[in-house]
Amino acid sequence: MQVTIRPFGNSRGVIIPKLLLAQVGLQESAEIEVQNGTLVLRKPQPQVRDGWASAAQSIAAAGEDALVLGDQSLTDEEDWQW
């Protein structure tokens, strides 16, 4: 399929048919990069810690956020066994 590259402000753009976007699962946003002279669009990868804040809030709300190691200082090396 051939598309026209059109002016879009100070940039250029193409219209991607909805059917093509649906076939690859793109909806609101995409990652774009150049690989070997080719533009590549792909689904955004989730952030490494995506969802951690809401998970921590759920744990705290359930009362399951007690310290696992207790409240003693981890810097007391004299208590450590090497």
N, C-alpha and C. Protein backbone atom coordinates (compact mmCIF):
# COMPACT_ATOMS: atom_id res chain seq x y z
N MET A 1 0.84 -1.17 0.00
CA MET A 1 0.00 0.00 0.00
C MET A 1 0.90 1.24 0.00
N GLN A 2 0.62 2.14 -0.85
CA GLN A 2 1.38 3.38 -0.93
C GLN A 2 0.58 4.49 -0.28
N VAL A 3 1.23 5.34 0.52
CA VAL A 3 0.56 6.46 1.18
C VAL A 3 1.29 7.75 0.84
N THR A 4 0.58 8.85 0.98
CA THR A 4 1.16 10.16 0.72
C THR A 4 1.69 10.75 2.02
N ILE A 5 2.89 11.30 1.96
CA ILE A 5 3.47 11.99 3.11
C ILE A 5 3.03 13.45 3.01
N ARG A 6 2.32 13.92 4.03
CA ARG A 6 1.69 15.24 3.99
C ARG A 6 2.30 16.17 5.04
N PRO A 7 2.27 17.48 4.75
CA PRO A 7 2.72 18.44 5.77
C PRO A 7 1.81 18.39 6.99
N PHE A 8 2.41 18.48 8.16
CA PHE A 8 1.67 18.47 9.41
C PHE A 8 2.40 19.42 10.36
N GLY A 9 2.06 20.71 10.32
CA GLY A 9 2.81 21.70 11.08
C GLY A 9 4.21 21.80 10.51
N ASN A 10 5.22 21.72 11.39
CA ASN A 10 6.62 21.74 10.95
C ASN A 10 7.14 20.34 10.63
N SER A 11 6.27 19.35 10.69
CA SER A 11 6.67 17.96 10.45
C SER A 11 5.95 17.42 9.22
N ARG A 12 6.02 16.13 9.03
CA ARG A 12 5.30 15.44 7.96
C ARG A 12 4.60 14.24 8.59
N GLY A 13 3.52 13.80 7.96
CA GLY A 13 2.78 12.68 8.52
C GLY A 13 2.08 11.87 7.45
N VAL A 14 1.63 10.70 7.84
CA VAL A 14 0.86 9.82 6.95
C VAL A 14 -0.40 9.41 7.68
N ILE A 15 -1.44 9.11 6.93
CA ILE A 15 -2.68 8.57 7.48
C ILE A 15 -2.55 7.06 7.45
N ILE A 16 -2.69 6.44 8.63
CA ILE A 16 -2.62 4.98 8.71
C ILE A 16 -4.06 4.47 8.81
N PRO A 17 -4.47 3.63 7.87
CA PRO A 17 -5.84 3.12 7.90
C PRO A 17 -6.15 2.38 9.21
N LYS A 18 -7.37 2.57 9.69
CA LYS A 18 -7.82 1.96 10.94
C LYS A 18 -7.66 0.44 10.91
N LEU A 19 -7.92 -0.18 9.78
CA LEU A 19 -7.80 -1.63 9.66
C LEU A 19 -6.37 -2.10 9.92
N LEU A 20 -5.38 -1.36 9.40
CA LEU A 20 -3.98 -1.74 9.65
C LEU A 20 -3.63 -1.59 11.12
N LEU A 21 -4.09 -0.49 11.74
CA LEU A 21 -3.81 -0.29 13.17
C LEU A 21 -4.44 -1.41 14.00
N ALA A 22 -5.64 -1.81 13.65
CA ALA A 22 -6.32 -2.89 14.37
C ALA A 22 -5.57 -4.22 14.20
N GLN A 23 -5.03 -4.46 13.03
CA GLN A 23 -4.33 -5.72 12.78
C GLN A 23 -3.09 -5.88 13.65
N VAL A 24 -2.44 -4.77 13.97
CA VAL A 24 -1.23 -4.85 14.80
C VAL A 24 -1.49 -4.47 16.25
N GLY A 25 -2.74 -4.08 16.56
CA GLY A 25 -3.10 -3.80 17.94
C GLY A 25 -2.70 -2.42 18.44
N LEU A 26 -2.47 -1.47 17.55
CA LEU A 26 -2.14 -0.11 17.97
C LEU A 26 -3.42 0.68 18.17
N GLN A 27 -3.47 1.46 19.27
CA GLN A 27 -4.69 2.23 19.55
C GLN A 27 -4.37 3.70 19.76
N GLU A 28 -3.88 4.06 20.93
CA GLU A 28 -3.69 5.46 21.29
C GLU A 28 -2.27 5.96 21.01
N SER A 29 -1.28 5.11 21.19
CA SER A 29 0.11 5.55 21.02
C SER A 29 0.95 4.39 20.49
N ALA A 30 2.15 4.72 20.05
CA ALA A 30 3.07 3.71 19.51
C ALA A 30 4.50 4.17 19.73
N GLU A 31 5.40 3.22 19.75
CA GLU A 31 6.83 3.53 19.74
C GLU A 31 7.27 3.54 18.29
N ILE A 32 8.13 4.48 17.93
CA ILE A 32 8.61 4.57 16.56
C ILE A 32 10.13 4.64 16.58
N GLU A 33 10.76 3.95 15.64
CA GLU A 33 12.22 3.99 15.52
C GLU A 33 12.61 3.65 14.09
N VAL A 34 13.86 3.90 13.78
CA VAL A 34 14.40 3.56 12.47
C VAL A 34 15.27 2.33 12.63
N GLN A 35 14.99 1.31 11.80
CA GLN A 35 15.82 0.10 11.77
C GLN A 35 16.22 -0.18 10.33
N ASN A 36 17.51 -0.11 10.07
CA ASN A 36 18.03 -0.38 8.73
C ASN A 36 17.30 0.42 7.64
N GLY A 37 17.11 1.72 7.89
CA GLY A 37 16.49 2.58 6.91
C GLY A 37 14.99 2.42 6.79
N THR A 38 14.35 1.75 7.74
CA THR A 38 12.90 1.52 7.72
C THR A 38 12.29 2.09 8.99
N LEU A 39 11.15 2.80 8.86
CA LEU A 39 10.42 3.26 10.04
C LEU A 39 9.63 2.08 10.60
N VAL A 40 9.74 1.88 11.90
CA VAL A 40 9.06 0.76 12.56
C VAL A 40 8.16 1.32 13.66
N LEU A 41 6.89 0.98 13.61
CA LEU A 41 5.94 1.30 14.67
C LEU A 41 5.64 0.03 15.45
N ARG A 42 5.59 0.14 16.77
CA ARG A 42 5.24 -1.02 17.60
C ARG A 42 4.48 -0.57 18.83
N LYS A 43 3.82 -1.52 19.47
CA LYS A 43 3.09 -1.23 20.70
C LYS A 43 4.07 -0.74 21.76
N PRO A 44 3.66 0.26 22.54
CA PRO A 44 4.53 0.71 23.63
C PRO A 44 4.74 -0.40 24.65
N GLN A 45 5.96 -0.53 25.13
CA GLN A 45 6.27 -1.51 26.16
C GLN A 45 5.87 -0.93 27.51
N PRO A 46 5.30 -1.74 28.39
CA PRO A 46 4.94 -1.22 29.71
C PRO A 46 6.19 -0.79 30.47
N GLN A 47 6.04 0.24 31.29
CA GLN A 47 7.15 0.69 32.11
C GLN A 47 7.51 -0.39 33.12
N VAL A 48 8.76 -0.43 33.53
CA VAL A 48 9.25 -1.49 34.42
C VAL A 48 8.44 -1.56 35.71
N ARG A 49 8.13 -0.43 36.29
CA ARG A 49 7.41 -0.42 37.57
C ARG A 49 5.96 0.01 37.40
N ASP A 50 5.42 -0.18 36.24
CA ASP A 50 4.04 0.20 35.96
C ASP A 50 3.09 -0.56 36.87
N GLY A 51 2.26 0.14 37.62
CA GLY A 51 1.28 -0.49 38.50
C GLY A 51 1.76 -0.73 39.92
N TRP A 52 3.02 -0.45 40.22
CA TRP A 52 3.54 -0.71 41.56
C TRP A 52 2.87 0.18 42.61
N ALA A 53 2.61 1.44 42.28
CA ALA A 53 2.03 2.36 43.25
C ALA A 53 0.63 1.90 43.66
N SER A 54 -0.19 1.54 42.70
CA SER A 54 -1.55 1.08 43.05
C SER A 54 -1.50 -0.26 43.79
N ALA A 55 -0.56 -1.12 43.45
CA ALA A 55 -0.42 -2.39 44.17
C ALA A 55 -0.02 -2.14 45.62
N ALA A 56 0.89 -1.20 45.84
CA ALA A 56 1.32 -0.88 47.21
C ALA A 56 0.17 -0.29 48.01
N GLN A 57 -0.66 0.54 47.38
CA GLN A 57 -1.82 1.10 48.07
C GLN A 57 -2.82 0.00 48.44
N SER A 58 -3.02 -0.96 47.56
CA SER A 58 -3.93 -2.07 47.85
C SER A 58 -3.42 -2.91 49.01
N ILE A 59 -2.13 -3.15 49.04
CA ILE A 59 -1.53 -3.93 50.13
C ILE A 59 -1.69 -3.20 51.45
N ALA A 60 -1.44 -1.88 51.44
CA ALA A 60 -1.58 -1.09 52.66
C ALA A 60 -3.03 -1.05 53.12
N ALA A 61 -3.96 -0.90 52.18
CA ALA A 61 -5.39 -0.86 52.53
C ALA A 61 -5.85 -2.17 53.15
N ALA A 62 -5.24 -3.28 52.74
CA ALA A 62 -5.60 -4.59 53.28
C ALA A 62 -4.89 -4.88 54.59
N GLY A 63 -4.00 -3.96 55.03
CA GLY A 63 -3.28 -4.15 56.29
C GLY A 63 -2.18 -5.19 56.19
N GLU A 64 -1.70 -5.45 54.99
CA GLU A 64 -0.68 -6.47 54.80
C GLU A 64 0.69 -5.86 54.51
N ASP A 65 0.95 -4.69 55.09
CA ASP A 65 2.19 -3.99 54.79
C ASP A 65 3.16 -3.96 55.98
N ALA A 66 3.09 -4.98 56.83
CA ALA A 66 4.00 -5.06 57.98
C ALA A 66 5.42 -5.30 57.49
N LEU A 67 6.39 -4.82 58.28
CA LEU A 67 7.79 -5.02 57.93
C LEU A 67 8.14 -6.50 58.01
N VAL A 68 8.82 -6.99 57.02
CA VAL A 68 9.19 -8.40 56.98
C VAL A 68 10.41 -8.66 57.86
N LEU A 69 11.36 -7.73 57.87
CA LEU A 69 12.58 -7.91 58.64
C LEU A 69 12.52 -7.25 60.01
N GLY A 70 11.39 -6.73 60.39
CA GLY A 70 11.30 -6.01 61.65
C GLY A 70 11.81 -4.59 61.50
N ASP A 71 11.94 -3.88 62.61
CA ASP A 71 12.35 -2.49 62.51
C ASP A 71 13.79 -2.26 62.94
N GLN A 72 14.56 -3.31 63.12
CA GLN A 72 15.96 -3.12 63.50
C GLN A 72 16.76 -2.60 62.31
N SER A 73 17.79 -1.91 62.62
CA SER A 73 18.61 -1.30 61.57
C SER A 73 19.41 -2.37 60.83
N LEU A 74 19.42 -2.28 59.54
CA LEU A 74 20.20 -3.23 58.74
C LEU A 74 21.67 -2.83 58.66
N THR A 75 22.01 -1.71 59.29
CA THR A 75 23.41 -1.27 59.24
C THR A 75 24.20 -1.76 60.44
N ASP A 76 23.58 -2.49 61.36
CA ASP A 76 24.29 -3.04 62.52
C ASP A 76 25.02 -4.30 62.10
N GLU A 77 26.19 -4.12 61.49
CA GLU A 77 26.92 -5.26 60.95
C GLU A 77 27.43 -6.20 62.03
N GLU A 78 27.54 -5.74 63.26
CA GLU A 78 28.03 -6.62 64.32
C GLU A 78 27.06 -7.77 64.58
N ASP A 79 25.78 -7.60 64.23
CA ASP A 79 24.80 -8.66 64.41
C ASP A 79 24.74 -9.62 63.23
N TRP A 80 25.45 -9.29 62.19
CA TRP A 80 25.39 -10.14 60.99
C TRP A 80 26.32 -11.34 61.13
N GLN A 81 25.96 -12.43 60.50
CA GLN A 81 26.84 -13.60 60.47
C GLN A 81 27.42 -13.69 59.06
N TRP A 82 28.74 -13.77 58.98
CA TRP A 82 29.40 -13.82 57.65
C TRP A 82 29.86 -15.19 57.38
